[in-house]
Amino acid sequence: MPMKYVSGGLECTFLKEGSTNNVILIRDEVLAEALMHTGIRGIIAGADLKILVNTFDRFCLRVKARKLYQELHDTLLAANAAMLDAIAA
């Protein structure tokens, strides 16, 4: 599965017998980053693909955890900014 960054996100190309079978565009930054780290030089193939397929539930859990941490971080930053605005007023 070759992957490359395009203007809209991460484009993943699924190959079957050397021909393009399907192309999807991933717009979620956390998922795109996790997929890019799974592959080597933008490609998930062979043993890496089998590992991803066999441990997909763990991969999903890691992505969900990263999304949650990102949301918590953003919420904390917004809450701190609101608190500082209230103190300054």
C-alpha atoms as a PDB file:
ATOM      1  CA  MET A   1       0.000   0.000   0.000  1.00  0.00           C
ATOM      2  CA  PRO A   2       1.909   3.069  -1.187  1.00  0.00           C
ATOM      3  CA  MET A   3       1.035   6.314   0.599  1.00  0.00           C
ATOM      4  CA  LYS A   4       1.836   9.933  -0.200  1.00  0.00           C
ATOM      5  CA  TYR A   5       0.874  13.289   1.199  1.00  0.00           C
ATOM      6  CA  VAL A   6      -1.296  15.402  -1.105  1.00  0.00           C
ATOM      7  CA  SER A   7      -2.950  18.760  -0.497  1.00  0.00           C
ATOM      8  CA  GLY A   8      -6.092  17.180   1.002  1.00  0.00           C
ATOM      9  CA  GLY A   9      -4.364  14.678   3.321  1.00  0.00           C
ATOM     10  CA  LEU A  10      -2.740  11.280   2.956  1.00  0.00           C
ATOM     11  CA  GLU A  11      -3.514   9.337  -0.209  1.00  0.00           C
ATOM     12  CA  CYS A  12      -3.389   5.547   0.198  1.00  0.00           C
ATOM     13  CA  THR A  13      -3.288   3.387  -2.906  1.00  0.00           C
ATOM     14  CA  PHE A  14      -4.293  -0.250  -2.651  1.00  0.00           C
ATOM     15  CA  LEU A  15      -2.668  -2.472  -5.242  1.00  0.00           C
ATOM     16  CA  LYS A  16      -3.787  -5.854  -6.512  1.00  0.00           C
ATOM     17  CA  GLU A  17      -1.569  -7.786  -8.891  1.00  0.00           C
ATOM     18  CA  GLY A  18       0.389  -4.642  -9.699  1.00  0.00           C
ATOM     19  CA  SER A  19      -2.626  -2.512 -10.621  1.00  0.00           C
ATOM     20  CA  THR A  20      -4.385   0.149  -8.596  1.00  0.00           C
ATOM     21  CA  ASN A  21      -7.399  -1.458  -6.964  1.00  0.00           C
ATOM     22  CA  ASN A  22      -8.571   1.419  -4.781  1.00  0.00           C
ATOM     23  CA  VAL A  23      -7.425   4.891  -3.688  1.00  0.00           C
ATOM     24  CA  ILE A  24      -8.581   6.568  -0.490  1.00  0.00           C
ATOM     25  CA  LEU A  25      -7.809   9.983   0.949  1.00  0.00           C
ATOM     26  CA  ILE A  26      -7.293  10.223   4.697  1.00  0.00           C
ATOM     27  CA  ARG A  27      -7.895  13.727   6.016  1.00  0.00           C
ATOM     28  CA  ASP A  28      -7.426  12.961   9.709  1.00  0.00           C
ATOM     29  CA  GLU A  29      -3.904  14.033  10.710  1.00  0.00           C
ATOM     30  CA  VAL A  30      -3.560  11.584  13.603  1.00  0.00           C
ATOM     31  CA  LEU A  31      -4.564   8.575  11.501  1.00  0.00           C
ATOM     32  CA  ALA A  32      -2.373   9.699   8.599  1.00  0.00           C
ATOM     33  CA  GLU A  33       0.648  10.088  10.873  1.00  0.00           C
ATOM     34  CA  ALA A  34       0.074   6.667  12.450  1.00  0.00           C
ATOM     35  CA  LEU A  35      -0.145   5.013   9.035  1.00  0.00           C
ATOM     36  CA  MET A  36       3.006   6.744   7.811  1.00  0.00           C
ATOM     37  CA  HIS A  37       4.883   5.544  10.902  1.00  0.00           C
ATOM     38  CA  THR A  38       3.661   1.997  10.296  1.00  0.00           C
ATOM     39  CA  GLY A  39       5.190   1.820   6.838  1.00  0.00           C
ATOM     40  CA  ILE A  40       8.690   2.314   5.567  1.00  0.00           C
ATOM     41  CA  ARG A  41       9.210   5.293   3.243  1.00  0.00           C
ATOM     42  CA  GLY A  42       5.481   5.616   2.645  1.00  0.00           C
ATOM     43  CA  ILE A  43       4.833   1.958   1.827  1.00  0.00           C
ATOM     44  CA  ILE A  44       3.146  -0.725   3.893  1.00  0.00           C
ATOM     45  CA  ALA A  45       3.830  -4.099   2.292  1.00  0.00           C
ATOM     46  CA  GLY A  46       4.876  -7.638   3.049  1.00  0.00           C
ATOM     47  CA  ALA A  47       5.510  -8.376   6.703  1.00  0.00           C
ATOM     48  CA  ASP A  48       4.569  -4.846   7.771  1.00  0.00           C
ATOM     49  CA  LEU A  49       1.157  -5.206   6.110  1.00  0.00           C
ATOM     50  CA  LYS A  50       0.575  -8.598   7.755  1.00  0.00           C
ATOM     51  CA  ILE A  51       1.508  -7.135  11.142  1.00  0.00           C
ATOM     52  CA  LEU A  52      -0.892  -4.213  10.615  1.00  0.00           C
ATOM     53  CA  VAL A  53      -3.714  -6.562   9.612  1.00  0.00           C
ATOM     54  CA  ASN A  54      -3.093  -8.933  12.534  1.00  0.00           C
ATOM     55  CA  THR A  55      -2.781  -6.143  15.113  1.00  0.00           C
ATOM     56  CA  PHE A  56      -5.379  -3.791  13.638  1.00  0.00           C
ATOM     57  CA  ASP A  57      -7.324  -3.616  16.907  1.00  0.00           C
ATOM     58  CA  ARG A  58      -4.214  -2.352  18.741  1.00  0.00           C
ATOM     59  CA  PHE A  59      -3.506   0.091  15.914  1.00  0.00           C
ATOM     60  CA  CYS A  60      -7.060   1.472  16.216  1.00  0.00           C
ATOM     61  CA  LEU A  61      -6.716   1.789  19.986  1.00  0.00           C
ATOM     62  CA  ARG A  62      -3.444   3.730  19.612  1.00  0.00           C
ATOM     63  CA  VAL A  63      -5.034   6.101  17.083  1.00  0.00           C
ATOM     64  CA  LYS A  64      -8.091   6.629  19.296  1.00  0.00           C
ATOM     65  CA  ALA A  65      -5.852   7.310  22.306  1.00  0.00           C
ATOM     66  CA  ARG A  66      -3.823   9.874  20.349  1.00  0.00           C
ATOM     67  CA  LYS A  67      -7.039  11.581  19.211  1.00  0.00           C
ATOM     68  CA  LEU A  68      -8.266  11.704  22.813  1.00  0.00           C
ATOM     69  CA  TYR A  69      -4.957  13.149  24.059  1.00  0.00           C
ATOM     70  CA  GLN A  70      -5.070  15.756  21.287  1.00  0.00           C
ATOM     71  CA  GLU A  71      -8.638  16.746  22.212  1.00  0.00           C
ATOM     72  CA  LEU A  72      -7.729  16.935  25.910  1.00  0.00           C
ATOM     73  CA  HIS A  73      -4.695  19.066  25.116  1.00  0.00           C
ATOM     74  CA  ASP A  74      -6.751  21.449  22.975  1.00  0.00           C
ATOM     75  CA  THR A  75      -9.442  21.670  25.666  1.00  0.00           C
ATOM     76  CA  LEU A  76      -6.848  22.371  28.338  1.00  0.00           C
ATOM     77  CA  LEU A  77      -5.282  25.136  26.249  1.00  0.00           C
ATOM     78  CA  ALA A  78      -8.689  26.749  25.671  1.00  0.00           C
ATOM     79  CA  ALA A  79      -9.569  26.490  29.369  1.00  0.00           C
ATOM     80  CA  ASN A  80      -6.250  28.041  30.394  1.00  0.00           C
ATOM     81  CA  ALA A  81      -6.715  30.886  27.927  1.00  0.00           C
ATOM     82  CA  ALA A  82     -10.248  31.548  29.226  1.00  0.00           C
ATOM     83  CA  MET A  83      -8.996  31.507  32.816  1.00  0.00           C
ATOM     84  CA  LEU A  84      -6.209  33.974  32.004  1.00  0.00           C
ATOM     85  CA  ASP A  85      -8.709  36.254  30.243  1.00  0.00           C
ATOM     86  CA  ALA A  86     -10.974  36.128  33.307  1.00  0.00           C
ATOM     87  CA  ILE A  87      -8.088  36.951  35.639  1.00  0.00           C
ATOM     88  CA  ALA A  88      -6.928  39.836  33.438  1.00  0.00           C
ATOM     89  CA  ALA A  89     -10.419  41.369  33.324  1.00  0.00           C
END
